[in-house]
Amino acid sequence: MSSTLSMTDRFTASDRLSAAALRQLGDAFTWGVATSAYQIEGAVDVDGRGPSIWDTFASQPGRTVNGESGAVACDHYRRWKDDVAMIAGLGVDAYRFSIAWPRVQPLGQGLFNERGLDFYDRLVDGLLERGIAPHATLYHWDLPQALQDRGGWGNRDTAFHFAVYADAIARRLGDRLASLATHNEPWCTAVLGHEIGKFAPGERDPQLAAQVSHHLLLSHGLAMSAMRASGTACPLGIVLNQSSVTAATASAADQAAAATEYARFVRWYMDPLFQGRYPQDAGIAHYPQVQDGDMALIQAPLDFLGINYYARIWASRDEPPVPPPMALGATDMGWEIYPDGLRELLVGLKAQYPDLPPIFITENGMANADTLDHGRVPDHARIDYVRRHLEALAQAKAAGVDIRGYFYWSLMDNYEWDSGYAKRFGLVHVDYATQQRTLKDSAHWYSATIAQARRHVDAPAQEPVHG
C-alpha cells in the first residue's frame, strides 16, 4: 500500500473538507469503514459454517446478476490479517463488520460452532492490536437456512432464537467491542426480502413483510434485554436505513405520497423504537399482529442509533412520475446524489424524536463504475460524494444533532447482493480473479482527510461550513 503523502498532489483545494466542517465534527469524532460478512468473507462451506438464505437464494436461476453468489466474495475469511493491515494503513479509528449467524451457530439454534466463534475472536483481537475499534453487527441479512425452513422471520420463534444468539455473541466478544448493533437495515429484510422478492428469501407477500418487520423489531428488543441482563458492557443499538423524502410538487397527491413514503421507510421503525407504536397513515395497507408486551420490549433504551443514508426518496404520483432533478447526477446504482438529504433527515429526526441517543452514520457511500488503470483507480466522483456528505453531516451537527462518527460503505468492492459483483462501492478496488487489493484515489483522499481532521480540530475558525 503506497503512502497517502505521495497521493496528495492528486487532490485540489476544492476536494478538501472545509476547516469549519472539520472543527465541527470535532476531535472525538469516529472515522471508520464498514463491510458485512456475506459480502466479503466467502468460505461458505468452511470450518463448520451452515448455509444461509443468501446461499440458497443466489443458487436459484435469475435471482442475481450472472447467478453470482458470495461463495468466494473477497476471501476475507482467509485474508483477514492482510485486510486488517490494510484498514490500519488507512488511518481510520474504527471498523464496522457483521457476524455471520450461520458461521457461529449453523442451525440458528442449538449448538454453537467454536471454529466460527474463534474467527471473530481473532478478528477482534487483530483490530485491537492495530488500534482499530471493532464495531459489530449481529444480523446483516444472512439468516441460517435451517431457520428459514421453519418459516424464517415470518415465524415468531425466530425472534427468540435471535436473542439467544445475540446473548452468546455479546458474552464472547462484548468485553472488546466498541459497539454491538442488533440489526442492519430491517427494512431491507422485510420489504426487499419478503414484499418485492428482490433479496433473500425472495418472498412477495406484503402482509408477510409487515409481520416480518415486527418480528425483526421484537427480536431486537428481546436481544437487548438478554444482553443487558447478562451484563454486556459494550454500547448496544440498532442500524436503520433512512432517507429524507421530497414531494415532487405542491399537489395534495404528492404531499400525501411523501408522507406515506416517510411513514413506511423511516417512521415504521422509529415510531416503535421511540414511541411504542406503528405509524398510522392512510397509504399503509398492511399492519402486523402485535402481542401484549411486544412494544415495551421493542422500546428498550438504545446506547446509540446507526443510520445508513444513500439518497433521498422522491415522491411523485403523476403518470409517468416527475423525475428527481439529479442536479449532482446519480451513482452507478441509479440513485440520485443528494447530500442535503442527510442534513434534512438528521435535523428532522431530532425534532420528531427528542430522546434520540447518539447517532453514528454507519453507512454512506456510492457505487461508481471504477476501472483499474496501471495500478491506479481515479474515482473523483466518489471523493466529491463523500466530501459533500461530510459537509452536510457537519451542518447537522452544528444544528444540534449528536453525531459521533461516520463509516464509509464500503472498505472494499464486494458482493453487492442481487447485483452480484457488477457494482463497486469500495475505497479499495478488488480484482475478484486474483483477490488483489488496490487503494483507489478515494481511499488516499479519505486517509488524508482523517489526518487533516486531526490537525485542524484546534485551529482557529476561518471559513463557514458549506455544502
Protein backbone atom coordinates (compact mmCIF):
# COMPACT_ATOMS: atom_id res chain seq x y z
CA MET A 1 0.00 0.00 0.00
CA SER A 2 1.51 3.29 -1.08
CA SER A 3 1.77 6.26 1.23
CA THR A 4 -1.04 8.80 1.39
CA LEU A 5 1.52 11.59 1.24
CA SER A 6 2.56 10.51 -2.25
CA MET A 7 -1.02 10.93 -3.42
CA THR A 8 -1.91 14.35 -2.07
CA ASP A 9 -0.85 16.14 -5.24
CA ARG A 10 -3.82 14.48 -6.97
CA PHE A 11 -6.27 16.48 -4.82
CA THR A 12 -7.21 20.10 -5.39
CA ALA A 13 -8.29 22.73 -2.89
CA SER A 14 -11.92 22.05 -3.83
CA ASP A 15 -11.50 18.43 -2.74
CA ARG A 16 -10.70 19.44 0.81
CA LEU A 17 -13.29 19.26 3.55
CA SER A 18 -13.72 22.78 4.92
CA ALA A 19 -11.80 23.63 8.08
CA ALA A 20 -15.08 24.68 9.71
CA ALA A 21 -16.59 21.27 8.98
CA LEU A 22 -13.54 19.51 10.38
CA ARG A 23 -13.73 21.53 13.58
CA GLN A 24 -17.49 20.96 13.83
CA LEU A 25 -17.07 17.20 13.60
CA GLY A 26 -14.53 17.51 16.40
CA ASP A 27 -11.66 15.58 17.87
CA ALA A 28 -13.88 12.87 19.40
CA PHE A 29 -15.44 12.06 16.01
CA THR A 30 -15.03 8.44 14.88
CA TRP A 31 -13.79 7.89 11.32
CA GLY A 32 -14.45 4.39 10.04
CA VAL A 33 -15.11 1.97 7.21
CA ALA A 34 -17.70 -0.79 7.01
CA THR A 35 -18.37 -4.22 5.49
CA SER A 36 -20.69 -7.19 6.06
CA ALA A 37 -19.96 -10.89 6.44
CA TYR A 38 -21.69 -12.39 3.41
CA GLN A 39 -20.38 -9.67 1.13
CA ILE A 40 -16.70 -10.25 1.89
CA GLU A 41 -15.97 -13.43 3.83
CA GLY A 42 -16.51 -16.23 1.29
CA ALA A 43 -15.62 -19.66 2.71
CA VAL A 44 -19.29 -20.55 2.91
CA ASP A 45 -18.64 -24.27 3.48
CA VAL A 46 -15.50 -23.99 5.63
CA ASP A 47 -14.94 -24.76 9.33
CA GLY A 48 -18.50 -25.78 10.09
CA ARG A 49 -20.42 -22.82 8.66
CA GLY A 50 -24.00 -23.70 7.82
CA PRO A 51 -25.87 -22.48 4.73
CA SER A 52 -27.64 -19.12 4.81
CA ILE A 53 -30.68 -17.87 2.95
CA TRP A 54 -28.35 -15.97 0.62
CA ASP A 55 -26.51 -19.15 -0.34
CA THR A 56 -29.90 -20.62 -1.25
CA PHE A 57 -31.26 -17.51 -2.96
CA ALA A 58 -28.16 -16.95 -5.10
CA SER A 59 -28.26 -20.57 -6.28
CA GLN A 60 -31.73 -20.07 -7.80
CA PRO A 61 -31.68 -19.14 -11.51
CA GLY A 62 -32.39 -15.49 -12.28
CA ARG A 63 -32.09 -14.22 -8.73
CA THR A 64 -28.71 -12.45 -9.04
CA VAL A 65 -26.65 -10.93 -11.84
CA ASN A 66 -24.89 -13.76 -13.68
CA GLY A 67 -26.03 -16.13 -10.94
CA GLU A 68 -23.23 -14.80 -8.73
CA SER A 69 -23.03 -15.56 -5.02
CA GLY A 70 -20.88 -14.75 -2.01
CA ALA A 71 -19.24 -18.18 -2.05
CA VAL A 72 -15.80 -16.60 -2.53
CA ALA A 73 -16.51 -12.85 -2.41
CA CYS A 74 -13.30 -11.13 -1.18
CA ASP A 75 -11.97 -14.28 0.51
CA HIS A 76 -11.74 -12.25 3.71
CA TYR A 77 -12.13 -15.34 5.90
CA ARG A 78 -8.67 -16.43 4.75
CA ARG A 79 -7.16 -13.00 4.11
CA TRP A 80 -8.39 -11.17 7.21
CA LYS A 81 -4.90 -10.42 8.57
CA ASP A 82 -3.90 -8.61 5.40
CA ASP A 83 -7.23 -6.81 5.34
CA VAL A 84 -6.80 -5.62 8.92
CA ALA A 85 -3.35 -4.32 7.99
CA MET A 86 -4.93 -2.51 5.04
CA ILE A 87 -7.56 -0.94 7.31
CA ALA A 88 -4.85 0.20 9.70
CA GLY A 89 -2.96 1.73 6.79
CA LEU A 90 -5.91 4.00 6.06
CA GLY A 91 -5.58 5.57 9.48
CA VAL A 92 -9.22 5.07 10.43
CA ASP A 93 -10.37 4.87 14.04
CA ALA A 94 -12.89 2.07 13.61
CA TYR A 95 -14.07 -0.85 11.52
CA ARG A 96 -17.68 -1.97 11.30
CA PHE A 97 -18.32 -5.60 10.34
CA SER A 98 -21.05 -8.18 10.82
CA ILE A 99 -21.12 -11.60 12.42
CA ALA A 100 -22.32 -14.41 10.14
CA TRP A 101 -25.00 -16.15 12.21
CA PRO A 102 -24.67 -19.44 10.25
CA ARG A 103 -20.91 -19.40 10.80
CA VAL A 104 -21.20 -19.32 14.58
CA GLN A 105 -24.50 -21.23 15.01
CA PRO A 106 -25.06 -23.27 11.85
CA LEU A 107 -28.70 -24.18 12.53
CA GLY A 108 -29.66 -20.85 14.09
CA GLN A 109 -30.44 -22.65 17.32
CA GLY A 110 -28.77 -25.25 19.48
CA LEU A 111 -25.04 -25.83 19.36
CA PHE A 112 -22.59 -23.06 18.57
CA ASN A 113 -19.62 -23.61 16.25
CA GLU A 114 -16.38 -22.96 18.10
CA ARG A 115 -14.34 -22.59 14.90
CA GLY A 116 -16.66 -19.83 13.73
CA LEU A 117 -16.51 -18.06 17.06
CA ASP A 118 -12.72 -18.33 17.04
CA PHE A 119 -12.61 -16.48 13.71
CA TYR A 120 -14.33 -13.44 15.20
CA ASP A 121 -12.17 -13.67 18.31
CA ARG A 122 -9.08 -13.43 16.10
CA LEU A 123 -10.55 -10.61 14.01
CA VAL A 124 -11.49 -8.50 17.04
CA ASP A 125 -8.12 -9.07 18.70
CA GLY A 126 -6.32 -8.28 15.45
CA LEU A 127 -8.18 -4.99 15.12
CA LEU A 128 -7.44 -4.01 18.69
CA GLU A 129 -3.76 -4.80 18.24
CA ARG A 130 -3.73 -2.29 15.38
CA GLY A 131 -5.54 0.37 17.41
CA ILE A 132 -8.80 -0.03 15.45
CA ALA A 133 -12.08 -0.02 17.39
CA PRO A 134 -14.30 -3.01 16.43
CA HIS A 135 -17.99 -2.20 15.83
CA ALA A 136 -20.01 -5.36 15.21
CA THR A 137 -23.48 -6.05 13.82
CA LEU A 138 -25.29 -9.26 14.68
CA TYR A 139 -27.52 -9.56 11.61
CA HIS A 140 -26.78 -8.35 8.10
CA TRP A 141 -29.35 -10.45 6.21
CA ASP A 142 -27.72 -13.91 6.30
CA LEU A 143 -30.30 -15.93 8.23
CA PRO A 144 -29.36 -19.60 8.74
CA GLN A 145 -31.26 -21.60 6.13
CA ALA A 146 -32.34 -24.06 8.82
CA LEU A 147 -34.42 -21.30 10.43
CA GLN A 148 -35.86 -20.28 7.07
CA ASP A 149 -37.00 -23.87 6.64
CA ARG A 150 -39.10 -23.30 9.79
CA GLY A 151 -40.63 -20.08 8.50
CA GLY A 152 -37.72 -17.68 8.89
CA TRP A 153 -38.55 -14.19 10.10
CA GLY A 154 -42.20 -14.92 9.44
CA ASN A 155 -42.06 -17.31 12.40
CA ARG A 156 -42.21 -15.52 15.77
CA ASP A 157 -39.91 -18.18 17.23
CA THR A 158 -37.02 -16.80 15.16
CA ALA A 159 -37.05 -13.66 17.30
CA PHE A 160 -36.37 -15.76 20.39
CA HIS A 161 -33.63 -17.75 18.66
CA PHE A 162 -32.02 -14.44 17.68
CA ALA A 163 -31.96 -13.31 21.32
CA VAL A 164 -30.08 -16.48 22.32
CA TYR A 165 -27.58 -15.93 19.50
CA ALA A 166 -27.16 -12.25 20.43
CA ASP A 167 -26.51 -13.05 24.06
CA ALA A 168 -23.90 -15.66 23.15
CA ILE A 169 -22.00 -13.23 20.89
CA ALA A 170 -22.19 -10.45 23.45
CA ARG A 171 -20.79 -12.73 26.13
CA ARG A 172 -18.00 -13.85 23.81
CA LEU A 173 -16.97 -10.52 22.26
CA GLY A 174 -18.71 -7.77 24.24
CA ASP A 175 -15.77 -7.06 26.51
CA ARG A 176 -13.70 -5.99 23.49
CA LEU A 177 -16.25 -4.36 21.16
CA ALA A 178 -16.70 -0.60 20.79
CA SER A 179 -20.37 -1.20 19.93
CA LEU A 180 -22.76 -4.01 19.05
CA ALA A 181 -25.81 -3.49 16.82
CA THR A 182 -28.64 -5.99 16.62
CA HIS A 183 -29.83 -5.49 13.03
CA ASN A 184 -28.67 -3.79 9.88
CA GLU A 185 -31.49 -2.23 7.84
CA PRO A 186 -34.52 -4.31 8.87
CA TRP A 187 -36.48 -2.52 6.12
CA CYS A 188 -34.39 -4.40 3.54
CA THR A 189 -35.05 -7.76 5.17
CA ALA A 190 -38.78 -7.08 5.38
CA VAL A 191 -39.54 -5.23 2.15
CA LEU A 192 -36.82 -6.32 -0.30
CA GLY A 193 -36.80 -9.86 1.07
CA HIS A 194 -40.48 -10.51 1.73
CA GLU A 195 -42.58 -7.93 -0.15
CA ILE A 196 -40.95 -7.49 -3.55
CA GLY A 197 -38.67 -10.55 -3.66
CA LYS A 198 -35.51 -8.69 -4.69
CA PHE A 199 -33.46 -10.07 -1.77
CA ALA A 200 -33.38 -13.39 0.05
CA PRO A 201 -35.55 -15.28 0.75
CA GLY A 202 -37.37 -13.88 -2.29
CA GLU A 203 -40.97 -13.76 -0.98
CA ARG A 204 -43.63 -11.48 -2.43
CA ASP A 205 -46.26 -11.07 0.26
CA PRO A 206 -46.93 -7.57 1.68
CA GLN A 207 -48.73 -8.90 4.76
CA LEU A 208 -45.87 -11.29 5.48
CA ALA A 209 -43.43 -8.39 5.08
CA ALA A 210 -45.32 -6.37 7.70
CA GLN A 211 -45.20 -9.31 10.11
CA VAL A 212 -41.51 -9.89 9.40
CA SER A 213 -40.76 -6.24 10.21
CA HIS A 214 -42.44 -6.69 13.57
CA HIS A 215 -40.59 -9.91 14.34
CA LEU A 216 -37.31 -8.17 13.48
CA LEU A 217 -38.08 -5.35 15.89
CA LEU A 218 -39.24 -7.85 18.51
CA SER A 219 -36.01 -9.80 18.09
CA HIS A 220 -34.11 -6.56 18.61
CA GLY A 221 -35.95 -5.89 21.84
CA LEU A 222 -35.53 -9.44 23.10
CA ALA A 223 -31.82 -9.36 22.26
CA MET A 224 -31.32 -6.03 24.02
CA SER A 225 -32.99 -7.40 27.15
CA ALA A 226 -30.97 -10.61 27.07
CA MET A 227 -27.65 -8.86 26.52
CA ARG A 228 -28.28 -6.30 29.24
CA ALA A 229 -29.43 -8.99 31.68
CA SER A 230 -26.16 -10.84 31.18
CA GLY A 231 -24.12 -7.72 31.92
CA THR A 232 -22.84 -6.92 28.45
CA ALA A 233 -20.51 -3.95 28.79
CA CYS A 234 -20.33 -2.52 25.26
CA PRO A 235 -22.82 0.05 23.87
CA LEU A 236 -25.86 -1.57 22.22
CA GLY A 237 -28.03 -0.27 19.39
CA ILE A 238 -29.60 -0.88 16.00
CA VAL A 239 -28.82 0.30 12.45
CA LEU A 240 -31.62 1.64 10.22
CA ASN A 241 -31.52 2.76 6.60
CA GLN A 242 -33.24 6.12 6.36
CA SER A 243 -33.88 8.87 3.84
CA SER A 244 -35.34 12.31 3.68
CA VAL A 245 -38.43 12.48 1.48
CA THR A 246 -39.27 15.23 -1.02
CA ALA A 247 -42.65 15.71 -2.68
CA ALA A 248 -42.17 16.28 -6.41
CA THR A 249 -44.77 19.06 -6.47
CA ALA A 250 -47.02 21.00 -4.10
CA SER A 251 -50.05 18.95 -5.16
CA ALA A 252 -52.07 17.27 -2.42
CA ALA A 253 -51.41 13.90 -4.03
CA ASP A 254 -47.64 14.33 -3.98
CA GLN A 255 -47.69 15.70 -0.44
CA ALA A 256 -49.69 12.67 0.71
CA ALA A 257 -47.34 10.35 -1.18
CA ALA A 258 -44.34 11.93 0.55
CA ALA A 259 -45.95 11.50 3.98
CA THR A 260 -46.71 7.84 3.25
CA GLU A 261 -43.20 7.14 1.97
CA TYR A 262 -41.69 8.69 5.09
CA ALA A 263 -44.06 6.69 7.30
CA ARG A 264 -43.22 3.42 5.53
CA PHE A 265 -39.49 3.96 5.34
CA VAL A 266 -38.49 5.94 8.43
CA ARG A 267 -41.35 6.11 10.94
CA TRP A 268 -42.23 2.40 10.57
CA TYR A 269 -39.09 1.59 12.58
CA MET A 270 -38.50 4.81 14.53
CA ASP A 271 -42.02 5.08 15.97
CA PRO A 272 -41.99 1.60 17.57
CA LEU A 273 -38.46 2.12 18.91
CA PHE A 274 -39.11 5.56 20.41
CA GLN A 275 -42.90 5.89 20.72
CA GLY A 276 -44.12 2.32 21.16
CA ARG A 277 -46.48 2.22 18.17
CA TYR A 278 -46.59 1.85 14.40
CA PRO A 279 -47.40 4.97 12.36
CA GLN A 280 -50.98 5.36 11.19
CA ASP A 281 -51.16 6.56 7.59
CA ALA A 282 -53.93 6.22 5.03
CA GLY A 283 -51.41 4.91 2.49
CA ILE A 284 -50.31 1.96 4.64
CA ALA A 285 -52.39 -1.13 3.86
CA HIS A 286 -50.73 -3.82 5.97
CA TYR A 287 -50.05 -3.95 9.70
CA PRO A 288 -48.61 -6.80 11.76
CA GLN A 289 -50.16 -8.78 14.58
CA VAL A 290 -48.70 -7.45 17.83
CA GLN A 291 -48.88 -9.32 21.12
CA ASP A 292 -49.16 -7.78 24.56
CA GLY A 293 -45.78 -6.63 25.82
CA ASP A 294 -44.12 -6.55 22.40
CA MET A 295 -43.89 -2.78 22.20
CA ALA A 296 -42.41 -2.45 25.66
CA LEU A 297 -39.63 -4.86 24.62
CA ILE A 298 -39.05 -3.01 21.35
CA GLN A 299 -38.65 0.27 23.25
CA ALA A 300 -35.58 -0.97 25.11
CA PRO A 301 -33.28 2.06 25.57
CA LEU A 302 -30.57 2.42 22.93
CA ASP A 303 -27.00 3.43 23.64
CA PHE A 304 -26.66 4.55 20.02
CA LEU A 305 -28.58 4.66 16.75
CA GLY A 306 -26.88 3.77 13.48
CA ILE A 307 -28.21 5.48 10.36
CA ASN A 308 -27.39 4.43 6.80
CA TYR A 309 -28.03 7.14 4.21
CA TYR A 310 -27.54 6.92 0.46
CA ALA A 311 -30.19 9.04 -1.26
CA ARG A 312 -33.48 10.82 -0.70
CA ILE A 313 -36.89 9.45 -1.66
CA TRP A 314 -38.61 11.46 -4.38
CA ALA A 315 -42.41 11.18 -4.18
CA SER A 316 -44.48 11.71 -7.32
CA ARG A 317 -48.00 10.44 -8.06
CA ASP A 318 -48.01 11.65 -11.66
CA GLU A 319 -48.03 9.12 -14.52
CA PRO A 320 -45.35 8.99 -15.63
CA PRO A 321 -43.74 10.17 -12.36
CA VAL A 322 -42.00 13.53 -12.26
CA PRO A 323 -38.28 12.61 -12.13
CA PRO A 324 -35.96 13.97 -9.42
CA PRO A 325 -33.75 16.84 -10.57
CA MET A 326 -30.46 14.87 -10.34
CA ALA A 327 -28.57 18.17 -10.06
CA LEU A 328 -25.43 16.34 -8.90
CA GLY A 329 -26.04 13.26 -11.01
CA ALA A 330 -26.56 9.67 -9.90
CA THR A 331 -24.46 6.82 -8.62
CA ASP A 332 -23.86 3.62 -10.56
CA MET A 333 -26.90 2.19 -8.73
CA GLY A 334 -29.02 4.91 -10.36
CA TRP A 335 -29.56 6.64 -7.00
CA GLU A 336 -29.73 10.44 -7.00
CA ILE A 337 -26.76 12.13 -5.32
CA TYR A 338 -28.40 14.44 -2.80
CA PRO A 339 -26.15 15.26 0.18
CA ASP A 340 -28.57 17.86 1.58
CA GLY A 341 -30.92 14.98 2.32
CA LEU A 342 -28.59 13.75 5.06
CA ARG A 343 -28.82 17.09 6.87
CA GLU A 344 -32.58 17.29 6.28
CA LEU A 345 -33.06 13.76 7.63
CA LEU A 346 -30.98 14.24 10.77
CA VAL A 347 -32.39 17.65 11.70
CA GLY A 348 -35.90 16.29 11.15
CA LEU A 349 -35.27 13.25 13.34
CA LYS A 350 -34.00 15.47 16.16
CA ALA A 351 -37.24 17.47 16.01
CA GLN A 352 -39.51 14.41 15.83
CA TYR A 353 -37.76 12.23 18.41
CA PRO A 354 -36.37 14.41 21.23
CA ASP A 355 -34.90 11.45 23.12
CA LEU A 356 -32.62 10.24 20.36
CA PRO A 357 -29.42 8.57 21.54
CA PRO A 358 -26.05 9.45 19.98
CA ILE A 359 -26.00 8.79 16.22
CA PHE A 360 -23.40 7.12 14.04
CA ILE A 361 -23.64 7.32 10.25
CA THR A 362 -22.95 3.62 9.88
CA GLU A 363 -23.12 3.56 6.07
CA ASN A 364 -22.79 6.18 3.36
CA GLY A 365 -21.10 5.72 0.01
CA MET A 366 -21.51 5.40 -3.73
CA ALA A 367 -21.25 2.75 -6.38
CA ASN A 368 -19.05 4.01 -9.19
CA ALA A 369 -18.01 2.42 -12.49
CA ASP A 370 -14.38 2.20 -11.38
CA THR A 371 -11.56 0.91 -13.56
CA LEU A 372 -8.03 -0.05 -12.64
CA ASP A 373 -5.53 1.71 -14.90
CA HIS A 374 -1.82 0.98 -14.43
CA GLY A 375 -2.19 0.44 -10.71
CA ARG A 376 -4.43 3.44 -10.09
CA VAL A 377 -8.21 3.87 -9.73
CA PRO A 378 -9.12 7.53 -10.33
CA ASP A 379 -12.57 7.92 -8.72
CA HIS A 380 -13.00 11.63 -8.21
CA ALA A 381 -16.79 11.28 -8.28
CA ARG A 382 -16.60 9.26 -5.06
CA ILE A 383 -14.33 11.84 -3.44
CA ASP A 384 -16.82 14.59 -4.27
CA TYR A 385 -19.71 12.44 -2.99
CA VAL A 386 -18.08 11.79 0.38
CA ARG A 387 -16.87 15.35 0.83
CA ARG A 388 -20.34 16.76 0.21
CA HIS A 389 -21.97 14.30 2.61
CA LEU A 390 -19.44 15.08 5.31
CA GLU A 391 -20.15 18.78 4.89
CA ALA A 392 -23.87 18.04 5.28
CA LEU A 393 -23.09 15.96 8.37
CA ALA A 394 -21.19 18.88 9.87
CA GLN A 395 -24.17 21.14 9.20
CA ALA A 396 -26.46 18.71 11.04
CA LYS A 397 -24.04 18.57 13.95
CA ALA A 398 -23.95 22.38 14.03
CA ALA A 399 -27.76 22.29 14.25
CA GLY A 400 -27.50 20.28 17.45
CA VAL A 401 -27.71 16.67 16.27
CA ASP A 402 -25.48 14.42 18.40
CA ILE A 403 -23.40 12.71 15.71
CA ARG A 404 -20.48 10.63 16.92
CA GLY A 405 -18.98 9.14 13.77
CA TYR A 406 -19.03 8.21 10.08
CA PHE A 407 -18.37 4.84 8.47
CA TYR A 408 -17.80 4.83 4.72
CA TRP A 409 -19.51 1.99 2.84
CA SER A 410 -17.60 0.09 1.93
CA LEU A 411 -14.00 -0.66 2.78
CA MET A 412 -13.57 -2.58 -0.45
CA ASP A 413 -15.50 -3.68 -3.51
CA ASN A 414 -17.57 -6.73 -2.63
CA TYR A 415 -20.57 -8.87 -3.40
CA GLU A 416 -23.46 -6.44 -3.88
CA TRP A 417 -26.37 -8.83 -3.25
CA ASP A 418 -28.66 -9.31 -6.27
CA SER A 419 -26.29 -7.11 -8.32
CA GLY A 420 -23.55 -9.69 -7.91
CA TYR A 421 -20.11 -8.19 -8.49
CA ALA A 422 -21.29 -5.60 -11.01
CA LYS A 423 -21.35 -2.63 -8.60
CA ARG A 424 -18.30 -1.25 -6.83
CA PHE A 425 -18.76 0.74 -3.61
CA GLY A 426 -15.26 0.28 -2.20
CA LEU A 427 -12.49 2.64 -1.27
CA VAL A 428 -10.33 -0.31 -2.27
CA HIS A 429 -10.55 -1.97 -5.67
CA VAL A 430 -10.74 -5.77 -5.65
CA ASP A 431 -9.74 -7.85 -8.65
CA TYR A 432 -12.02 -10.81 -8.00
CA ALA A 433 -9.98 -13.18 -10.17
CA THR A 434 -6.77 -12.61 -8.21
CA GLN A 435 -8.06 -11.03 -4.96
CA GLN A 436 -5.56 -8.22 -5.47
CA ARG A 437 -6.49 -5.14 -3.42
CA THR A 438 -5.64 -1.66 -4.78
CA LEU A 439 -6.32 1.57 -2.93
CA LYS A 440 -8.42 3.90 -5.07
CA ASP A 441 -7.79 7.64 -5.13
CA SER A 442 -10.76 7.97 -2.77
CA ALA A 443 -9.01 5.76 -0.19
CA HIS A 444 -5.99 8.05 -0.23
CA TRP A 445 -8.28 11.09 -0.03
CA TYR A 446 -10.21 9.63 2.92
CA SER A 447 -6.97 8.84 4.72
CA ALA A 448 -5.65 12.34 4.06
CA THR A 449 -8.94 13.87 5.23
CA ILE A 450 -8.76 11.96 8.52
CA ALA A 451 -5.20 13.19 9.02
CA GLN A 452 -6.36 16.71 8.15
CA ALA A 453 -9.18 16.44 10.71
CA ARG A 454 -6.73 15.55 13.42
CA ARG A 455 -4.60 18.57 12.55
CA HIS A 456 -7.46 21.05 12.36
CA VAL A 457 -9.59 20.40 15.40
CA ASP A 458 -7.80 23.08 17.39
CA ALA A 459 -7.20 25.50 14.53
CA PRO A 460 -8.88 28.97 14.67
CA ALA A 461 -12.10 29.43 12.70
CA GLN A 462 -11.56 30.77 9.19
CA GLU A 463 -14.39 29.67 6.94
CA PRO A 464 -18.06 28.69 7.17
CA VAL A 465 -19.40 25.19 6.64
CA HIS A 466 -20.53 24.91 3.04
CA GLY A 467 -22.35 22.26 1.03
